[in-house]
Amino acid sequence: VLRPAEVCQVTNQSSEMLELLHHKNIGIGTKLEIKKFFDFDHSLEIKMKNSTITISEQLAQNIFVTYEQDL
């Protein structure tokens, strides 16, 4: 079972990376949930608020998250 997570850090601060994150509405504090991992290209389907998007392995490797603690 995958838990909700929150973006806490982005390791690559290049203008190209920041542009891509902005385009996908991902930033520090963004709450998301990983819905599916694709073996073929290691991309991830993630849900944020009311939208579901797919991000590449390369993008995912630069996004660090913290997981909500169990109550």
C-alpha atoms as a PDB file:
ATOM      1  CA  VAL A   1       0.000   0.000   0.000  1.00  0.00           C
ATOM      2  CA  LEU A   2       1.431   3.322  -1.042  1.00  0.00           C
ATOM      3  CA  ARG A   3       1.040   6.248   1.314  1.00  0.00           C
ATOM      4  CA  PRO A   4       0.455   9.912   0.508  1.00  0.00           C
ATOM      5  CA  ALA A   5       3.699  11.868   0.283  1.00  0.00           C
ATOM      6  CA  GLU A   6       4.803  15.497   0.157  1.00  0.00           C
ATOM      7  CA  VAL A   7       7.609  16.942  -1.973  1.00  0.00           C
ATOM      8  CA  CYS A   8      10.355  18.199   0.360  1.00  0.00           C
ATOM      9  CA  GLN A   9      13.355  18.706  -1.952  1.00  0.00           C
ATOM     10  CA  VAL A  10      14.362  18.939  -5.607  1.00  0.00           C
ATOM     11  CA  THR A  11      18.003  18.037  -6.172  1.00  0.00           C
ATOM     12  CA  ASN A  12      18.440  19.440  -9.689  1.00  0.00           C
ATOM     13  CA  GLN A  13      17.909  23.214  -9.616  1.00  0.00           C
ATOM     14  CA  SER A  14      18.652  23.823 -13.314  1.00  0.00           C
ATOM     15  CA  SER A  15      16.331  26.160 -15.186  1.00  0.00           C
ATOM     16  CA  GLU A  16      15.244  23.268 -17.406  1.00  0.00           C
ATOM     17  CA  MET A  17      14.278  21.122 -14.399  1.00  0.00           C
ATOM     18  CA  LEU A  18      12.446  23.978 -12.682  1.00  0.00           C
ATOM     19  CA  GLU A  19      10.550  24.740 -15.899  1.00  0.00           C
ATOM     20  CA  LEU A  20       9.439  21.100 -16.168  1.00  0.00           C
ATOM     21  CA  LEU A  21       8.364  20.990 -12.517  1.00  0.00           C
ATOM     22  CA  HIS A  22       6.425  24.235 -12.932  1.00  0.00           C
ATOM     23  CA  HIS A  23       4.740  22.877 -16.074  1.00  0.00           C
ATOM     24  CA  LYS A  24       3.638  19.774 -14.162  1.00  0.00           C
ATOM     25  CA  ASN A  25       2.580  21.839 -11.095  1.00  0.00           C
ATOM     26  CA  ILE A  26       5.089  20.103  -8.820  1.00  0.00           C
ATOM     27  CA  GLY A  27       6.878  22.088  -6.130  1.00  0.00           C
ATOM     28  CA  ILE A  28       8.010  21.961  -2.524  1.00  0.00           C
ATOM     29  CA  GLY A  29       4.977  21.084  -0.431  1.00  0.00           C
ATOM     30  CA  THR A  30       3.064  19.402  -3.277  1.00  0.00           C
ATOM     31  CA  LYS A  31       1.085  16.456  -1.930  1.00  0.00           C
ATOM     32  CA  LEU A  32       1.061  13.406  -4.186  1.00  0.00           C
ATOM     33  CA  GLU A  33       0.487   9.689  -4.242  1.00  0.00           C
ATOM     34  CA  ILE A  34       2.241   7.171  -6.478  1.00  0.00           C
ATOM     35  CA  LYS A  35      -0.429   5.137  -8.250  1.00  0.00           C
ATOM     36  CA  LYS A  36       1.597   2.972 -10.646  1.00  0.00           C
ATOM     37  CA  PHE A  37       5.180   2.104 -11.553  1.00  0.00           C
ATOM     38  CA  PHE A  38       5.834   1.099 -15.175  1.00  0.00           C
ATOM     39  CA  ASP A  39       8.542  -1.562 -15.574  1.00  0.00           C
ATOM     40  CA  PHE A  40       9.074  -0.750 -19.254  1.00  0.00           C
ATOM     41  CA  ASP A  41      10.641   2.692 -18.756  1.00  0.00           C
ATOM     42  CA  HIS A  42      10.493   3.098 -14.953  1.00  0.00           C
ATOM     43  CA  SER A  43       8.086   6.016 -15.227  1.00  0.00           C
ATOM     44  CA  LEU A  44       5.561   6.724 -12.477  1.00  0.00           C
ATOM     45  CA  GLU A  45       1.897   7.610 -12.538  1.00  0.00           C
ATOM     46  CA  ILE A  46       1.193  10.032  -9.695  1.00  0.00           C
ATOM     47  CA  LYS A  47      -1.984  11.596  -8.375  1.00  0.00           C
ATOM     48  CA  MET A  48      -2.004  15.183  -7.158  1.00  0.00           C
ATOM     49  CA  LYS A  49      -5.226  16.764  -5.914  1.00  0.00           C
ATOM     50  CA  ASN A  50      -7.681  16.166  -8.775  1.00  0.00           C
ATOM     51  CA  SER A  51      -5.224  15.250 -11.527  1.00  0.00           C
ATOM     52  CA  THR A  52      -3.179  12.206 -12.449  1.00  0.00           C
ATOM     53  CA  ILE A  53       0.029  12.598 -14.462  1.00  0.00           C
ATOM     54  CA  THR A  54       2.951  10.441 -15.571  1.00  0.00           C
ATOM     55  CA  ILE A  55       6.514  11.485 -14.823  1.00  0.00           C
ATOM     56  CA  SER A  56       9.731  10.040 -16.194  1.00  0.00           C
ATOM     57  CA  GLU A  57      12.286   8.094 -14.175  1.00  0.00           C
ATOM     58  CA  GLN A  58      14.759  10.942 -14.727  1.00  0.00           C
ATOM     59  CA  LEU A  59      12.349  13.488 -13.240  1.00  0.00           C
ATOM     60  CA  ALA A  60      11.385  11.196 -10.349  1.00  0.00           C
ATOM     61  CA  GLN A  61      15.058  10.699  -9.396  1.00  0.00           C
ATOM     62  CA  ASN A  62      15.324  14.431  -8.685  1.00  0.00           C
ATOM     63  CA  ILE A  63      12.250  14.701  -6.442  1.00  0.00           C
ATOM     64  CA  PHE A  64      12.529  13.798  -2.766  1.00  0.00           C
ATOM     65  CA  VAL A  65       9.424  13.266  -0.672  1.00  0.00           C
ATOM     66  CA  THR A  66       8.470  12.684   2.943  1.00  0.00           C
ATOM     67  CA  TYR A  67       5.693  10.273   3.825  1.00  0.00           C
ATOM     68  CA  GLU A  68       2.863  11.090   6.187  1.00  0.00           C
ATOM     69  CA  GLN A  69       3.157   9.269   9.489  1.00  0.00           C
ATOM     70  CA  ASP A  70       0.615   6.614  10.374  1.00  0.00           C
ATOM     71  CA  LEU A  71      -1.843   7.666  13.065  1.00  0.00           C
END
